[in-house]
Amino acid sequence: MNVPNPDAVELAPLPAPADFESDMDRPVPFDAGTAVLVDCPDPAAAPWLAHHFADWFGDQAPKVSPNVANVEILPIPIANSQSETLNTGNTGNIGNTGNTGSDEAYAVSADASGVRISARSLAGVRWAAYSLRQLAIARRGTFRTDGRVLPTLRISDAPRLPFRAVHLCWFPDTRPAQIERAIRLAALLKFNAAILEPWGTFRSARHPWFGWPDAPATPEELARLAAIGRDLGVALVPQLNVLGHASSSRSCSLKHAALDLHPEYEPLFEPGGWNWCLSNPEARRVLRELVGELHEACGRPPFFHLGCDEAQPPSCPECRRRPYAELVGEHIAELAAFVRERGARAMVWHDMLLDRDDPRWAGFIACGSPETAKLADALPRDVVICDWQYGNPDPARPRDDWPTFAHFLGKGFDVAGCPWLNFGAMEPMADFLASHGGLGLVATTWHHLHGTDWRDAFRTAACAAWGTPPPPVAPQFDTAFAAVLRLAGLDAGVCDYRDTGLDEEQVHAP
């Protein structure tokens, strides 16, 4: 995409398709004297915009009015042809955004006559608002902000992938303000889902032993975060590991959020505690109850992530009595059905569904056996496969083929690509998924909810999923990301030095 004006680098993701003109040498007032006309069939769109303009800009908020004449004020783009072919299954409404690129499309213009927004849904109006907010700068020549200006501009914009998510881990070391800021940042970057995985931090009412003491992810706090996400267009999707990772702690720590303090619950887990004991009906009961609690606390979103990655072979004598793949398949199918009954779709990581010794996956992530690989034929087809490929088998060439994605797509699953720090793979992944009917992209962050890796994962994945290249980083100070990160922090009400910028500290002890 060729952007005609370098001022555009202050916006991420850049608009797509390439109908974007920006001219800061002809500034347009964006203050209390500005009229913003909104053309959208959703009656909630104009009130939503007026409310948020008041929150963001105070007494200098532009005046918002709906297009009561019902005359098209700007042509709304359709999603690119690849996005239109996406197989979204029964995804339904993702975070109140709709499930096709066209539903989220918008158009914006700003010139001497005012500001105009056209969209087919509230989702498009939200994305338009976030673009304008990033592009608006304080009027110069004053001591304090006294109104803002926009460049003279025209934007025609639509995403290429319908599901654009960030994956956030909530560790005991993670403060709630960091989680809220990350959700708000995701919205500003036009992600429409945030997968939230508590690592021993969910405070269950039914099972208070499940997690560390004083766990911060209370049902009330999750409900608050989910409400923020819904308002901003981001569905808060909870994750609970129902197979491996049952310690709810990083493997390198050897901590166990349940057994270290409550060894009486040992029968619920495999010896050592890494896997849940799938042959124990009490373990399955507990997991159903935890899944129900988490899903309810997050406002019954359209998805629930069941984890299921990096499991170890069973050592429990009861689990070893049956073919383990059969037991795992029964377990996942049962929980997927439970999630379905709650009006949502289950998501799982892909790696146990691929035989690690199968030459087709050489160089790609595969952690399963010939037996567990058979589950790819047995699982319900409404389960979403989250295929995490964190490396490039051949760094010397850009990838245009992703055989593991193709494998699951060919079996009828919706597939989301998950690249983590594999930054060079994000755009090729999105290209492949868009052209082959994939669902979307998930920017996993794990324990990197800080630093430049976190910045690059958010920004690069946002642009890849939207369908545009990431803007260049300014040489001395990354002004574009600093500005949007600051907005997310201000909206979250951060008041702690540690919750600003990319890192908690600027100087680290050796």
Protein backbone atom coordinates (compact mmCIF):
# COMPACT_ATOMS: atom_id res chain seq x y z
CA MET A 1 0.00 0.00 0.00
CA ASN A 2 1.36 3.42 -0.95
CA VAL A 3 0.41 6.15 1.47
CA PRO A 4 0.65 9.53 -0.27
CA ASN A 5 1.51 11.52 2.84
CA PRO A 6 4.00 10.60 5.60
CA ASP A 7 1.62 12.05 8.20
CA ALA A 8 -0.24 8.73 7.84
CA VAL A 9 2.39 6.89 9.86
CA GLU A 10 0.76 8.27 13.00
CA LEU A 11 -2.18 5.90 12.49
CA ALA A 12 -2.17 2.15 13.10
CA PRO A 13 -3.41 0.07 11.50
CA LEU A 14 -3.21 2.06 8.30
CA PRO A 15 -6.48 2.10 6.36
CA ALA A 16 -7.20 -0.59 3.80
CA PRO A 17 -7.89 -0.57 0.92
CA ALA A 18 -5.51 2.20 -0.13
CA ASP A 19 -8.09 4.95 -0.46
CA PHE A 20 -6.47 7.17 2.16
CA GLU A 21 -5.45 10.76 1.64
CA SER A 22 -4.10 12.92 4.45
CA ASP A 23 -2.83 16.49 4.40
CA MET A 24 -1.79 18.08 7.71
CA ASP A 25 -0.75 21.23 5.83
CA ARG A 26 -4.50 21.94 5.53
CA PRO A 27 -5.65 21.42 9.15
CA VAL A 28 -9.35 21.03 9.90
CA PRO A 29 -10.74 22.22 13.27
CA PHE A 30 -11.83 19.34 15.50
CA ASP A 31 -13.34 20.98 18.56
CA ALA A 32 -16.63 22.18 20.04
CA GLY A 33 -17.36 24.15 16.91
CA THR A 34 -17.01 21.11 14.63
CA ALA A 35 -20.05 19.29 13.27
CA VAL A 36 -19.67 15.52 12.86
CA LEU A 37 -22.39 13.96 10.70
CA VAL A 38 -22.91 10.21 11.20
CA ASP A 39 -24.59 8.04 8.58
CA CYS A 40 -25.29 4.63 10.15
CA PRO A 41 -28.48 2.52 10.32
CA ASP A 42 -27.81 1.59 13.94
CA PRO A 43 -29.62 4.17 16.13
CA ALA A 44 -27.04 3.61 18.87
CA ALA A 45 -24.14 4.81 16.70
CA ALA A 46 -24.47 8.60 17.01
CA PRO A 47 -25.18 8.52 20.79
CA TRP A 48 -22.20 6.18 21.31
CA LEU A 49 -19.94 8.56 19.40
CA ALA A 50 -21.22 11.65 21.24
CA HIS A 51 -20.72 9.95 24.61
CA HIS A 52 -17.16 8.93 23.85
CA PHE A 53 -16.22 12.25 22.28
CA ALA A 54 -17.33 13.85 25.57
CA ASP A 55 -15.18 11.38 27.53
CA TRP A 56 -12.13 11.93 25.35
CA PHE A 57 -12.33 15.65 24.60
CA GLY A 58 -14.40 17.15 27.42
CA ASP A 59 -15.88 20.59 26.72
CA GLN A 60 -13.98 20.68 23.42
CA ALA A 61 -15.86 17.64 22.07
CA PRO A 62 -17.18 18.01 18.51
CA LYS A 63 -20.95 18.03 18.06
CA VAL A 64 -22.35 14.75 16.73
CA SER A 65 -25.60 14.43 14.82
CA PRO A 66 -27.18 11.51 12.94
CA ASN A 67 -27.89 11.71 9.25
CA VAL A 68 -31.66 12.12 9.58
CA ALA A 69 -32.04 12.79 5.85
CA ASN A 70 -30.94 9.19 5.16
CA VAL A 71 -28.94 10.37 2.16
CA GLU A 72 -25.63 8.63 1.58
CA ILE A 73 -22.96 11.10 2.61
CA LEU A 74 -19.94 8.90 1.78
CA PRO A 75 -19.66 5.61 -0.12
CA ILE A 76 -18.91 2.79 2.32
CA PRO A 77 -16.27 0.36 1.06
CA ILE A 78 -16.79 -3.36 0.87
CA ALA A 79 -14.18 -5.65 2.33
CA ASN A 80 -11.54 -6.87 -0.08
CA SER A 81 -12.49 -9.94 -2.09
CA GLN A 82 -10.46 -12.25 0.12
CA SER A 83 -12.25 -11.16 3.27
CA GLU A 84 -15.60 -11.70 1.59
CA THR A 85 -14.80 -15.41 1.07
CA LEU A 86 -14.08 -16.08 4.73
CA ASN A 87 -15.78 -19.09 6.29
CA THR A 88 -16.94 -17.73 9.64
CA GLY A 89 -19.15 -20.71 10.44
CA ASN A 90 -21.58 -19.84 13.22
CA THR A 91 -19.27 -17.23 14.70
CA GLY A 92 -22.15 -14.78 15.05
CA ASN A 93 -21.52 -11.31 16.38
CA ILE A 94 -17.89 -10.96 17.48
CA GLY A 95 -17.81 -8.37 20.22
CA ASN A 96 -20.83 -6.63 18.71
CA THR A 97 -18.89 -6.03 15.51
CA GLY A 98 -20.51 -8.38 13.02
CA ASN A 99 -18.69 -11.21 11.30
CA THR A 100 -17.62 -9.96 7.89
CA GLY A 101 -15.24 -7.25 6.83
CA SER A 102 -18.06 -5.35 5.11
CA ASP A 103 -20.02 -5.14 8.38
CA GLU A 104 -17.05 -3.34 9.94
CA ALA A 105 -16.29 -1.06 6.99
CA TYR A 106 -16.41 2.70 7.30
CA ALA A 107 -15.62 5.89 5.44
CA VAL A 108 -14.49 9.23 6.88
CA SER A 109 -13.85 12.64 5.42
CA ALA A 110 -12.68 15.85 7.08
CA ASP A 111 -12.47 19.19 5.33
CA ALA A 112 -13.55 22.79 5.75
CA SER A 113 -17.22 21.75 5.72
CA GLY A 114 -16.84 19.43 8.71
CA VAL A 115 -16.38 15.77 9.47
CA ARG A 116 -18.50 12.99 8.01
CA ILE A 117 -18.64 9.29 8.95
CA SER A 118 -20.47 6.54 7.09
CA ALA A 119 -20.72 2.94 8.32
CA ARG A 120 -23.05 -0.04 8.12
CA SER A 121 -22.86 -0.79 11.83
CA LEU A 122 -21.81 0.58 15.20
CA ALA A 123 -18.59 -1.39 14.72
CA GLY A 124 -17.62 0.71 11.72
CA VAL A 125 -18.41 3.92 13.61
CA ARG A 126 -16.15 2.75 16.43
CA TRP A 127 -13.24 2.08 14.07
CA ALA A 128 -13.80 5.47 12.43
CA ALA A 129 -13.74 7.14 15.84
CA TYR A 130 -10.48 5.42 16.80
CA SER A 131 -8.88 6.52 13.53
CA LEU A 132 -9.95 10.11 14.08
CA ARG A 133 -8.76 10.04 17.67
CA GLN A 134 -5.29 8.90 16.65
CA LEU A 135 -5.06 11.47 13.87
CA ALA A 136 -6.34 14.43 15.93
CA ILE A 137 -3.61 16.54 17.53
CA ALA A 138 -3.79 19.48 19.92
CA ARG A 139 -3.91 22.89 18.29
CA ARG A 140 -0.44 24.45 18.52
CA GLY A 141 0.55 27.78 20.08
CA THR A 142 -1.20 27.40 23.45
CA PHE A 143 0.01 26.54 26.96
CA ARG A 144 -2.68 23.90 27.45
CA THR A 145 -4.85 22.04 24.98
CA ASP A 146 -7.51 24.32 23.57
CA GLY A 147 -9.11 22.37 20.78
CA ARG A 148 -7.69 19.96 18.23
CA VAL A 149 -7.14 19.74 14.50
CA LEU A 150 -7.31 16.96 11.96
CA PRO A 151 -5.57 16.77 8.63
CA THR A 152 -7.76 17.30 5.62
CA LEU A 153 -8.44 13.67 4.88
CA ARG A 154 -10.50 11.02 3.19
CA ILE A 155 -10.48 7.42 4.41
CA SER A 156 -12.13 4.34 2.96
CA ASP A 157 -11.43 1.42 5.26
CA ALA A 158 -12.38 -2.23 5.89
CA PRO A 159 -10.60 -5.18 7.54
CA ARG A 160 -9.42 -8.26 5.68
CA LEU A 161 -9.99 -10.81 8.50
CA PRO A 162 -13.17 -11.00 10.60
CA PHE A 163 -11.56 -12.26 13.85
CA ARG A 164 -8.68 -10.14 15.15
CA ALA A 165 -7.65 -10.97 18.68
CA VAL A 166 -4.99 -10.41 21.29
CA HIS A 167 -4.20 -13.12 23.84
CA LEU A 168 -3.44 -11.79 27.32
CA CYS A 169 -2.10 -13.78 30.27
CA TRP A 170 -3.01 -12.61 33.76
CA PHE A 171 -0.23 -13.73 36.09
CA PRO A 172 -0.08 -13.00 39.84
CA ASP A 173 2.61 -10.47 38.89
CA THR A 174 0.24 -8.67 36.49
CA ARG A 175 -1.68 -5.69 37.84
CA PRO A 176 -5.33 -5.21 36.82
CA ALA A 177 -4.46 -1.83 35.32
CA GLN A 178 -2.15 -3.56 32.85
CA ILE A 179 -4.96 -5.83 31.69
CA GLU A 180 -7.42 -2.97 31.27
CA ARG A 181 -4.88 -0.86 29.38
CA ALA A 182 -4.14 -3.80 27.05
CA ILE A 183 -7.87 -4.26 26.29
CA ARG A 184 -8.29 -0.56 25.58
CA LEU A 185 -5.17 -0.57 23.41
CA ALA A 186 -6.54 -3.55 21.48
CA ALA A 187 -9.69 -1.56 20.68
CA LEU A 188 -7.73 1.46 19.46
CA LEU A 189 -5.77 -0.87 17.15
CA LYS A 190 -9.06 -2.34 15.83
CA PHE A 191 -8.82 -5.82 17.34
CA ASN A 192 -12.31 -7.14 18.06
CA ALA A 193 -11.52 -9.81 20.68
CA ALA A 194 -9.22 -10.28 23.67
CA ILE A 195 -8.57 -13.82 24.91
CA LEU A 196 -7.90 -13.52 28.64
CA GLU A 197 -6.12 -16.41 30.33
CA PRO A 198 -5.85 -16.24 34.14
CA TRP A 199 -2.76 -18.09 35.42
CA GLY A 200 -3.86 -18.99 38.92
CA THR A 201 -5.50 -15.57 39.24
CA PHE A 202 -9.20 -16.46 38.79
CA ARG A 203 -11.00 -16.26 42.13
CA SER A 204 -13.66 -18.94 41.79
CA ALA A 205 -16.67 -18.74 44.11
CA ARG A 206 -17.39 -22.47 43.75
CA HIS A 207 -13.77 -23.59 44.06
CA PRO A 208 -11.80 -21.01 46.06
CA TRP A 209 -8.84 -23.42 46.30
CA PHE A 210 -8.34 -23.08 42.53
CA GLY A 211 -5.74 -20.33 42.35
CA TRP A 212 -3.46 -18.26 44.52
CA PRO A 213 -4.73 -16.48 47.64
CA ASP A 214 -6.38 -13.12 46.99
CA ALA A 215 -6.48 -13.85 43.25
CA PRO A 216 -7.23 -10.53 41.50
CA ALA A 217 -9.41 -11.84 38.62
CA THR A 218 -12.63 -11.86 40.62
CA PRO A 219 -15.96 -12.37 38.86
CA GLU A 220 -16.72 -8.72 39.54
CA GLU A 221 -13.44 -7.55 38.00
CA LEU A 222 -13.91 -9.80 34.96
CA ALA A 223 -17.45 -8.48 34.51
CA ARG A 224 -16.12 -4.91 34.66
CA LEU A 225 -13.43 -5.63 32.05
CA ALA A 226 -15.93 -7.45 29.83
CA ALA A 227 -18.29 -4.46 29.96
CA ILE A 228 -15.44 -2.14 28.95
CA GLY A 229 -14.60 -4.45 26.08
CA ARG A 230 -18.20 -4.68 24.86
CA ASP A 231 -18.51 -0.91 24.88
CA LEU A 232 -15.30 -0.56 22.86
CA GLY A 233 -16.08 -3.41 20.42
CA VAL A 234 -13.76 -6.04 21.96
CA ALA A 235 -15.24 -9.37 23.09
CA LEU A 236 -13.54 -10.66 26.25
CA VAL A 237 -12.99 -14.39 25.63
CA PRO A 238 -11.94 -16.37 28.73
CA GLN A 239 -9.47 -19.25 28.61
CA LEU A 240 -9.12 -22.20 30.97
CA ASN A 241 -6.62 -24.98 30.37
CA VAL A 242 -8.60 -28.21 30.60
CA LEU A 243 -5.83 -30.71 29.71
CA GLY A 244 -2.18 -29.73 30.21
CA HIS A 245 -0.88 -26.60 31.92
CA ALA A 246 -3.12 -27.58 34.85
CA SER A 247 -0.61 -26.02 37.27
CA SER A 248 -1.82 -22.57 36.13
CA SER A 249 1.83 -21.52 36.31
CA ARG A 250 4.68 -21.28 33.85
CA SER A 251 6.37 -24.65 33.42
CA CYS A 252 9.80 -23.21 34.27
CA SER A 253 8.59 -22.08 37.71
CA LEU A 254 7.47 -25.51 39.01
CA LYS A 255 4.73 -23.69 40.94
CA HIS A 256 1.23 -25.17 41.15
CA ALA A 257 -1.56 -22.71 41.91
CA ALA A 258 -3.73 -25.42 43.49
CA LEU A 259 -1.55 -28.21 44.86
CA ASP A 260 1.23 -26.10 46.40
CA LEU A 261 -1.26 -24.88 49.00
CA HIS A 262 -4.05 -27.46 48.78
CA PRO A 263 -2.55 -30.94 48.28
CA GLU A 264 -5.87 -32.55 49.26
CA TYR A 265 -7.05 -31.95 45.67
CA GLU A 266 -4.34 -34.17 44.20
CA PRO A 267 -6.84 -36.73 42.78
CA LEU A 268 -8.06 -34.12 40.30
CA PHE A 269 -4.67 -34.05 38.58
CA GLU A 270 -2.21 -36.46 37.04
CA PRO A 271 0.72 -37.30 39.40
CA GLY A 272 2.98 -34.26 39.42
CA GLY A 273 0.11 -31.94 38.53
CA TRP A 274 0.79 -30.95 34.91
CA ASN A 275 -2.34 -32.57 33.41
CA TRP A 276 -5.86 -32.81 34.71
CA CYS A 277 -6.89 -36.40 35.47
CA LEU A 278 -9.38 -37.00 32.67
CA SER A 279 -10.55 -40.37 34.02
CA ASN A 280 -11.74 -38.74 37.25
CA PRO A 281 -15.39 -37.64 36.91
CA GLU A 282 -14.80 -35.14 39.72
CA ALA A 283 -12.14 -33.39 37.62
CA ARG A 284 -14.58 -33.10 34.75
CA ARG A 285 -17.26 -31.75 37.07
CA VAL A 286 -14.89 -29.14 38.48
CA LEU A 287 -13.81 -28.08 34.99
CA ARG A 288 -17.39 -27.68 33.80
CA GLU A 289 -18.15 -25.53 36.82
CA LEU A 290 -15.04 -23.40 36.32
CA VAL A 291 -15.78 -22.97 32.61
CA GLY A 292 -19.34 -21.92 33.46
CA GLU A 293 -18.18 -19.43 36.08
CA LEU A 294 -15.61 -17.84 33.79
CA HIS A 295 -17.96 -17.66 30.84
CA GLU A 296 -20.69 -16.09 32.97
CA ALA A 297 -18.32 -13.57 34.53
CA CYS A 298 -17.17 -12.44 31.08
CA GLY A 299 -20.73 -11.82 29.93
CA ARG A 300 -21.26 -15.03 27.92
CA PRO A 301 -19.03 -14.10 24.95
CA PRO A 302 -19.28 -16.00 21.63
CA PHE A 303 -16.14 -18.08 22.30
CA PHE A 304 -14.44 -19.95 25.14
CA HIS A 305 -10.82 -21.10 24.85
CA LEU A 306 -10.17 -24.55 26.35
CA GLY A 307 -6.38 -24.52 25.90
CA CYS A 308 -5.29 -28.17 25.37
CA ASP A 309 -1.69 -27.52 24.29
CA GLU A 310 1.55 -29.21 25.39
CA ALA A 311 0.00 -32.03 27.39
CA GLN A 312 2.15 -34.88 28.71
CA PRO A 313 1.43 -38.63 28.45
CA PRO A 314 -0.61 -39.89 31.43
CA SER A 315 0.96 -41.63 34.39
CA CYS A 316 -2.24 -42.10 36.39
CA PRO A 317 -3.15 -45.83 36.44
CA GLU A 318 -6.80 -45.05 35.67
CA CYS A 319 -6.02 -42.84 32.68
CA ARG A 320 -3.62 -45.49 31.35
CA ARG A 321 -6.40 -48.11 31.21
CA ARG A 322 -7.89 -46.52 28.09
CA PRO A 323 -6.32 -45.23 24.86
CA TYR A 324 -5.41 -41.74 25.97
CA ALA A 325 -6.41 -40.07 22.68
CA GLU A 326 -9.87 -41.59 23.08
CA LEU A 327 -10.11 -40.19 26.61
CA VAL A 328 -8.86 -36.74 25.48
CA GLY A 329 -11.29 -36.64 22.57
CA GLU A 330 -14.22 -37.56 24.78
CA HIS A 331 -13.15 -34.91 27.31
CA ILE A 332 -12.83 -32.08 24.75
CA ALA A 333 -16.06 -33.04 22.99
CA GLU A 334 -17.92 -33.00 26.30
CA LEU A 335 -16.63 -29.56 27.24
CA ALA A 336 -17.20 -28.23 23.70
CA ALA A 337 -20.81 -29.40 24.00
CA PHE A 338 -21.10 -27.67 27.38
CA VAL A 339 -19.77 -24.44 25.85
CA ARG A 340 -22.17 -24.86 22.92
CA GLU A 341 -25.10 -25.17 25.32
CA ARG A 342 -24.08 -21.79 26.68
CA GLY A 343 -24.33 -20.25 23.20
CA ALA A 344 -20.60 -20.12 22.45
CA ARG A 345 -17.94 -21.97 20.47
CA ALA A 346 -14.94 -23.75 21.94
CA MET A 347 -11.41 -22.87 20.86
CA VAL A 348 -8.34 -25.12 21.30
CA TRP A 349 -4.64 -24.88 20.54
CA HIS A 350 -3.65 -27.07 17.60
CA ASP A 351 -0.38 -28.77 18.59
CA MET A 352 -1.69 -31.98 20.19
CA LEU A 353 -3.69 -32.65 17.01
CA LEU A 354 -0.53 -33.11 14.92
CA ASP A 355 1.87 -36.07 15.13
CA ARG A 356 5.27 -34.65 15.99
CA ASP A 357 6.98 -37.35 13.86
CA ASP A 358 4.86 -36.77 10.74
CA PRO A 359 7.26 -35.48 8.05
CA ARG A 360 4.57 -33.14 6.72
CA TRP A 361 5.03 -30.95 9.80
CA ALA A 362 8.84 -30.85 9.78
CA GLY A 363 9.86 -27.43 11.07
CA PHE A 364 6.33 -26.59 12.21
CA ILE A 365 4.85 -26.82 15.70
CA ALA A 366 3.50 -30.32 16.39
CA CYS A 367 3.41 -31.89 19.87
CA GLY A 368 1.07 -34.87 19.45
CA SER A 369 1.35 -38.56 18.73
CA PRO A 370 -0.18 -40.73 15.98
CA GLU A 371 -3.06 -41.40 18.39
CA THR A 372 -3.78 -37.80 19.40
CA ALA A 373 -3.49 -36.70 15.75
CA LYS A 374 -6.62 -38.78 15.07
CA LEU A 375 -8.57 -36.28 17.15
CA ALA A 376 -8.50 -33.90 14.19
CA ASP A 377 -11.04 -36.22 12.56
CA ALA A 378 -13.09 -36.75 15.72
CA LEU A 379 -13.57 -33.28 17.21
CA PRO A 380 -16.80 -31.33 16.53
CA ARG A 381 -16.33 -29.04 13.56
CA ASP A 382 -17.56 -25.97 15.40
CA VAL A 383 -14.37 -26.05 17.51
CA VAL A 384 -11.99 -23.27 16.41
CA ILE A 385 -8.38 -24.38 15.92
CA CYS A 386 -5.83 -21.82 17.15
CA ASP A 387 -2.71 -22.83 15.23
CA TRP A 388 0.38 -21.37 16.89
CA GLN A 389 3.41 -21.23 14.62
CA TYR A 390 6.15 -19.39 16.44
CA GLY A 391 8.99 -19.92 13.99
CA ASN A 392 9.77 -20.06 10.29
CA PRO A 393 11.06 -23.42 9.00
CA ASP A 394 12.88 -21.60 6.19
CA PRO A 395 13.80 -18.03 7.17
CA ALA A 396 15.58 -17.54 3.84
CA ARG A 397 12.28 -17.21 1.99
CA PRO A 398 8.95 -15.57 2.80
CA ARG A 399 6.21 -18.11 3.38
CA ASP A 400 3.26 -18.38 1.08
CA ASP A 401 2.20 -21.83 2.27
CA TRP A 402 1.13 -22.86 5.77
CA PRO A 403 0.55 -26.61 5.67
CA THR A 404 -0.81 -26.92 9.20
CA PHE A 405 -3.40 -24.22 8.50
CA ALA A 406 -4.35 -25.97 5.27
CA HIS A 407 -4.59 -29.30 7.10
CA PHE A 408 -7.21 -28.07 9.56
CA LEU A 409 -9.06 -25.94 7.02
CA GLY A 410 -9.31 -28.99 4.79
CA LYS A 411 -11.00 -30.89 7.61
CA GLY A 412 -13.68 -28.23 7.93
CA PHE A 413 -12.44 -26.29 10.97
CA ASP A 414 -12.30 -22.54 11.37
CA VAL A 415 -8.63 -21.67 11.89
CA ALA A 416 -6.95 -18.71 13.60
CA GLY A 417 -3.21 -18.21 13.09
CA CYS A 418 -1.15 -17.34 16.16
CA PRO A 419 2.36 -15.97 15.43
CA TRP A 420 3.59 -14.61 18.83
CA LEU A 421 7.04 -13.02 18.16
CA ASN A 422 7.27 -14.39 14.62
CA PHE A 423 6.83 -10.86 13.29
CA GLY A 424 7.91 -11.60 9.74
CA ALA A 425 5.25 -14.30 9.47
CA MET A 426 2.28 -12.16 10.49
CA GLU A 427 1.53 -10.67 7.09
CA PRO A 428 2.07 -13.97 5.18
CA MET A 429 -0.12 -15.78 7.72
CA ALA A 430 -2.89 -13.23 7.28
CA ASP A 431 -2.53 -13.40 3.49
CA PHE A 432 -2.87 -17.19 3.54
CA LEU A 433 -5.80 -17.22 5.95
CA ALA A 434 -7.67 -14.51 4.04
CA SER A 435 -7.24 -16.28 0.70
CA HIS A 436 -8.05 -19.78 2.03
CA GLY A 437 -11.08 -19.05 4.21
CA GLY A 438 -9.39 -18.73 7.60
CA LEU A 439 -11.09 -17.09 10.56
CA GLY A 440 -8.46 -14.65 11.74
CA LEU A 441 -5.26 -13.84 13.61
CA VAL A 442 -4.45 -14.00 17.34
CA ALA A 443 -1.54 -11.94 18.69
CA THR A 444 -0.31 -14.01 21.63
CA THR A 445 1.70 -12.14 24.27
CA TRP A 446 2.23 -14.71 27.07
CA HIS A 447 4.62 -13.23 29.67
CA HIS A 448 5.60 -10.34 27.36
CA LEU A 449 2.93 -7.82 28.37
CA HIS A 450 5.63 -5.17 28.34
CA GLY A 451 8.62 -4.07 26.27
CA THR A 452 9.22 -3.80 22.56
CA ASP A 453 8.16 -7.41 21.89
CA TRP A 454 4.70 -6.57 23.24
CA ARG A 455 4.57 -3.39 21.17
CA ASP A 456 5.61 -5.18 17.98
CA ALA A 457 3.21 -8.09 18.57
CA PHE A 458 0.26 -5.72 18.98
CA ARG A 459 1.09 -3.35 16.17
CA THR A 460 2.32 -5.84 13.58
CA ALA A 461 -0.55 -8.26 14.15
CA ALA A 462 -3.12 -5.46 14.08
CA CYS A 463 -1.88 -4.30 10.70
CA ALA A 464 -1.57 -7.83 9.28
CA ALA A 465 -5.10 -8.75 10.35
CA TRP A 466 -6.47 -5.48 8.99
CA GLY A 467 -4.59 -5.97 5.73
CA THR A 468 -1.92 -3.26 5.71
CA PRO A 469 1.81 -3.10 6.43
CA PRO A 470 2.88 -1.71 9.82
CA PRO A 471 3.90 1.95 9.78
CA PRO A 472 7.61 2.64 10.17
CA VAL A 473 9.02 3.28 13.63
CA ALA A 474 10.35 6.79 14.20
CA PRO A 475 14.14 6.69 14.71
CA GLN A 476 14.46 8.13 18.23
CA PHE A 477 11.06 7.83 19.89
CA ASP A 478 8.20 5.71 18.58
CA THR A 479 5.73 8.57 18.49
CA ALA A 480 2.89 6.68 16.82
CA PHE A 481 2.74 3.83 19.33
CA ALA A 482 3.55 6.11 22.26
CA ALA A 483 0.53 8.24 21.40
CA VAL A 484 -1.94 5.36 21.13
CA LEU A 485 -0.52 3.65 24.24
CA ARG A 486 -0.89 6.92 26.15
CA LEU A 487 -4.53 7.18 25.08
CA ALA A 488 -5.23 3.66 26.34
CA GLY A 489 -3.57 4.47 29.65
CA LEU A 490 -5.47 7.72 30.09
CA ASP A 491 -8.75 5.93 29.38
CA ALA A 492 -7.83 3.27 31.95
CA GLY A 493 -7.12 5.99 34.51
CA VAL A 494 -3.55 4.88 35.19
CA CYS A 495 -1.94 6.79 38.04
CA ASP A 496 1.05 4.55 38.76
CA TYR A 497 4.40 5.21 37.10
CA ARG A 498 4.77 1.46 36.49
CA ASP A 499 1.61 1.39 34.36
CA THR A 500 2.81 3.93 31.81
CA GLY A 501 4.96 3.33 28.73
CA LEU A 502 6.29 -0.05 27.63
CA ASP A 503 8.16 -1.09 30.79
CA GLU A 504 7.51 -0.87 34.51
CA GLU A 505 11.01 0.54 35.07
CA GLN A 506 13.47 2.45 32.91
CA VAL A 507 16.58 1.25 34.73
CA HIS A 508 16.90 -2.42 35.61
CA ALA A 509 19.23 -3.72 38.28
CA PRO A 510 21.82 -6.20 36.94
